[in-house]
Every structure is written in C-alpha cells, then in structure tokens.
Amino acid sequence: MAQGKRVGLIAGLFKTNDFLVIVTVFKEKAFTFFQSIENKEIYCFNDCIDSKLIPDGLIWGVTNDGTFYELVESEQLIKFQKSSGQLKELEIKDIDNPYVILFKVREP
C-alpha cells in the first residue's frame, strides 16, 4: 500500500476459523488487525497493547486450533511487567532471548 511518500508493508497474513489477521508496518510501527469472518468487524490488536492486556510484540504465527503466538523482546516484557503489574512471577533479564506468548482471540 502506498499513499504519496507514505508506504505500508504487509508483514504477516494469517487466517483462522474466526479471523483474518493482517500485520502491517507503517511509519516504522507494526499494526495488527483482526477481521471477524462472521460479522466483518475489524479489531486493532494494538489497542490491547495500549490497554496493557498483552505485551508489545510481533504475532509470528497461529496454530491449527487458533492459538496465536507472539514474540516479545525481553525489554518489552520488563516494560509490560512494570506498567501493568502482570507477569511479576517471571524473572526477566534484558539480555534474555525473546519470549513466546501464547493467546487466543475471541470477539467481545
């Protein structure tokens, strides 16, 4: 997609029984959108990150049963722990390899 000097790149495309998922990069920021197969509503995954429901990372794939997995850098996971108070039981060092977060998505 291109608009003038602005360019958006498709970084990932996934489909489950419930959603079509598009990962795009625009202005050096990743955005992920879930479109409901049933009602065609579009949900922005970044809103969940902004609401501190899940750490900032990149959806890397989906399993046959609709479980998504997201790669999260250790720095982002530490930031998420501090800002949300969640996952405090994990001892994370900033030199750790990326973590894999598994989650499922359902309509609100």
C-alpha atoms as a PDB file:
ATOM      1  CA  MET A   1       0.000   0.000   0.000  1.00  0.00           C
ATOM      2  CA  ALA A   2       1.340   3.414  -0.815  1.00  0.00           C
ATOM      3  CA  GLN A   3      -0.045   6.887  -0.363  1.00  0.00           C
ATOM      4  CA  GLY A   4       2.213   9.675  -1.532  1.00  0.00           C
ATOM      5  CA  LYS A   5       5.500   9.240   0.283  1.00  0.00           C
ATOM      6  CA  ARG A   6       3.932   7.007   2.946  1.00  0.00           C
ATOM      7  CA  VAL A   7       4.272   3.286   2.470  1.00  0.00           C
ATOM      8  CA  GLY A   8       2.709   0.440   4.431  1.00  0.00           C
ATOM      9  CA  LEU A   9       4.107  -3.068   4.117  1.00  0.00           C
ATOM     10  CA  ILE A  10       2.278  -6.322   4.798  1.00  0.00           C
ATOM     11  CA  ALA A  11       4.423  -8.226   7.300  1.00  0.00           C
ATOM     12  CA  GLY A  12       2.091 -11.122   8.006  1.00  0.00           C
ATOM     13  CA  LEU A  13      -1.211 -12.643   6.968  1.00  0.00           C
ATOM     14  CA  PHE A  14      -2.970 -15.357   8.995  1.00  0.00           C
ATOM     15  CA  LYS A  15      -6.403 -16.964   8.856  1.00  0.00           C
ATOM     16  CA  THR A  16      -8.241 -18.944  11.498  1.00  0.00           C
ATOM     17  CA  ASN A  17     -11.809 -20.215  11.578  1.00  0.00           C
ATOM     18  CA  ASP A  18     -12.832 -16.932  13.234  1.00  0.00           C
ATOM     19  CA  PHE A  19     -10.447 -14.226  11.984  1.00  0.00           C
ATOM     20  CA  LEU A  20      -8.385 -12.917   9.115  1.00  0.00           C
ATOM     21  CA  VAL A  21      -5.289 -11.313  10.648  1.00  0.00           C
ATOM     22  CA  ILE A  22      -3.150  -8.734   8.877  1.00  0.00           C
ATOM     23  CA  VAL A  23       0.154  -7.495  10.297  1.00  0.00           C
ATOM     24  CA  THR A  24       1.370  -4.331   8.622  1.00  0.00           C
ATOM     25  CA  VAL A  25       4.157  -1.832   9.185  1.00  0.00           C
ATOM     26  CA  PHE A  26       3.501   1.858   8.686  1.00  0.00           C
ATOM     27  CA  LYS A  27       5.927   4.644   9.612  1.00  0.00           C
ATOM     28  CA  GLU A  28       8.237   2.092  11.294  1.00  0.00           C
ATOM     29  CA  LYS A  29       5.473   0.865  13.629  1.00  0.00           C
ATOM     30  CA  ALA A  30       3.779  -2.520  13.426  1.00  0.00           C
ATOM     31  CA  PHE A  31      -0.025  -2.676  13.434  1.00  0.00           C
ATOM     32  CA  THR A  32      -2.089  -5.849  13.657  1.00  0.00           C
ATOM     33  CA  PHE A  33      -5.727  -6.049  12.633  1.00  0.00           C
ATOM     34  CA  PHE A  34      -8.180  -8.896  13.228  1.00  0.00           C
ATOM     35  CA  GLN A  35     -11.203  -9.029  10.920  1.00  0.00           C
ATOM     36  CA  SER A  36     -14.054 -11.223  12.067  1.00  0.00           C
ATOM     37  CA  ILE A  37     -15.012 -13.837   9.485  1.00  0.00           C
ATOM     38  CA  GLU A  38     -18.566 -13.890  10.898  1.00  0.00           C
ATOM     39  CA  ASN A  39     -19.525 -10.212  11.119  1.00  0.00           C
ATOM     40  CA  LYS A  40     -16.656  -8.483   9.217  1.00  0.00           C
ATOM     41  CA  GLU A  41     -15.854  -6.220  12.214  1.00  0.00           C
ATOM     42  CA  ILE A  42     -12.208  -5.112  12.400  1.00  0.00           C
ATOM     43  CA  TYR A  43     -10.326  -5.020  15.703  1.00  0.00           C
ATOM     44  CA  CYS A  44      -6.903  -3.440  16.203  1.00  0.00           C
ATOM     45  CA  PHE A  45      -4.583  -5.634  18.281  1.00  0.00           C
ATOM     46  CA  ASN A  46      -2.528  -2.545  19.154  1.00  0.00           C
ATOM     47  CA  ASP A  47      -5.453  -1.358  21.302  1.00  0.00           C
ATOM     48  CA  CYS A  48      -4.902  -4.426  23.529  1.00  0.00           C
ATOM     49  CA  ILE A  49      -1.230  -3.497  23.856  1.00  0.00           C
ATOM     50  CA  ASP A  50      -2.087   0.128  24.680  1.00  0.00           C
ATOM     51  CA  SER A  51      -4.597  -1.104  27.302  1.00  0.00           C
ATOM     52  CA  LYS A  52      -1.868  -3.281  28.860  1.00  0.00           C
ATOM     53  CA  LEU A  53      -3.732  -6.529  28.245  1.00  0.00           C
ATOM     54  CA  ILE A  54      -0.760  -8.091  26.445  1.00  0.00           C
ATOM     55  CA  PRO A  55       2.889  -7.067  25.981  1.00  0.00           C
ATOM     56  CA  ASP A  56       4.081  -5.360  22.813  1.00  0.00           C
ATOM     57  CA  GLY A  57       5.493  -7.857  20.344  1.00  0.00           C
ATOM     58  CA  LEU A  58       5.007  -9.339  16.908  1.00  0.00           C
ATOM     59  CA  ILE A  59       2.486 -12.038  16.085  1.00  0.00           C
ATOM     60  CA  TRP A  60       4.585 -14.682  14.434  1.00  0.00           C
ATOM     61  CA  GLY A  61       2.065 -17.384  13.694  1.00  0.00           C
ATOM     62  CA  VAL A  62      -1.048 -19.330  14.565  1.00  0.00           C
ATOM     63  CA  THR A  63      -1.600 -23.000  15.339  1.00  0.00           C
ATOM     64  CA  ASN A  64      -4.303 -25.235  13.854  1.00  0.00           C
ATOM     65  CA  ASP A  65      -6.553 -24.674  16.882  1.00  0.00           C
ATOM     66  CA  GLY A  66      -6.446 -20.855  16.575  1.00  0.00           C
ATOM     67  CA  THR A  67      -3.801 -20.192  19.227  1.00  0.00           C
ATOM     68  CA  PHE A  68      -1.618 -17.240  18.254  1.00  0.00           C
ATOM     69  CA  TYR A  69       1.975 -16.913  19.281  1.00  0.00           C
ATOM     70  CA  GLU A  70       3.710 -13.603  19.690  1.00  0.00           C
ATOM     71  CA  LEU A  71       7.428 -12.936  20.032  1.00  0.00           C
ATOM     72  CA  VAL A  72       8.151 -10.406  22.772  1.00  0.00           C
ATOM     73  CA  GLU A  73      11.596  -8.930  23.366  1.00  0.00           C
ATOM     74  CA  SER A  74      12.770  -9.063  26.979  1.00  0.00           C
ATOM     75  CA  GLU A  75      12.889  -5.246  27.226  1.00  0.00           C
ATOM     76  CA  GLN A  76       9.222  -5.054  26.190  1.00  0.00           C
ATOM     77  CA  LEU A  77       8.259  -7.758  28.686  1.00  0.00           C
ATOM     78  CA  ILE A  78      10.044  -5.914  31.509  1.00  0.00           C
ATOM     79  CA  LYS A  79       8.258  -2.698  30.493  1.00  0.00           C
ATOM     80  CA  PHE A  80       4.942  -4.596  30.496  1.00  0.00           C
ATOM     81  CA  GLN A  81       5.622  -6.016  33.975  1.00  0.00           C
ATOM     82  CA  LYS A  82       6.307  -2.544  35.365  1.00  0.00           C
ATOM     83  CA  SER A  83       3.370  -0.784  33.714  1.00  0.00           C
ATOM     84  CA  SER A  84       0.693  -3.465  34.121  1.00  0.00           C
ATOM     85  CA  GLY A  85       1.721  -5.320  37.279  1.00  0.00           C
ATOM     86  CA  GLN A  86       1.218  -8.609  35.410  1.00  0.00           C
ATOM     87  CA  LEU A  87       3.670 -11.499  34.981  1.00  0.00           C
ATOM     88  CA  LYS A  88       5.625 -10.404  38.058  1.00  0.00           C
ATOM     89  CA  GLU A  89       6.419 -14.061  38.803  1.00  0.00           C
ATOM     90  CA  LEU A  90       8.800 -14.156  35.813  1.00  0.00           C
ATOM     91  CA  GLU A  91      12.400 -13.156  36.421  1.00  0.00           C
ATOM     92  CA  ILE A  92      13.372 -11.458  33.172  1.00  0.00           C
ATOM     93  CA  LYS A  93      16.772 -10.060  32.284  1.00  0.00           C
ATOM     94  CA  ASP A  94      17.196  -7.557  29.469  1.00  0.00           C
ATOM     95  CA  ILE A  95      19.747  -9.866  27.805  1.00  0.00           C
ATOM     96  CA  ASP A  96      17.280 -12.768  27.542  1.00  0.00           C
ATOM     97  CA  ASN A  97      16.183 -14.109  24.166  1.00  0.00           C
ATOM     98  CA  PRO A  98      12.678 -13.144  23.005  1.00  0.00           C
ATOM     99  CA  TYR A  99       9.798 -14.774  24.856  1.00  0.00           C
ATOM    100  CA  VAL A 100       6.876 -16.531  23.204  1.00  0.00           C
ATOM    101  CA  ILE A 101       3.417 -15.521  24.434  1.00  0.00           C
ATOM    102  CA  LEU A 102       0.502 -17.817  23.518  1.00  0.00           C
ATOM    103  CA  PHE A 103      -3.047 -16.472  23.418  1.00  0.00           C
ATOM    104  CA  LYS A 104      -6.441 -16.975  21.809  1.00  0.00           C
ATOM    105  CA  VAL A 105      -8.692 -14.256  20.443  1.00  0.00           C
ATOM    106  CA  ARG A 106     -12.449 -14.118  20.711  1.00  0.00           C
ATOM    107  CA  GLU A 107     -14.961 -11.483  19.803  1.00  0.00           C
ATOM    108  CA  PRO A 108     -16.033  -9.038  22.525  1.00  0.00           C
END
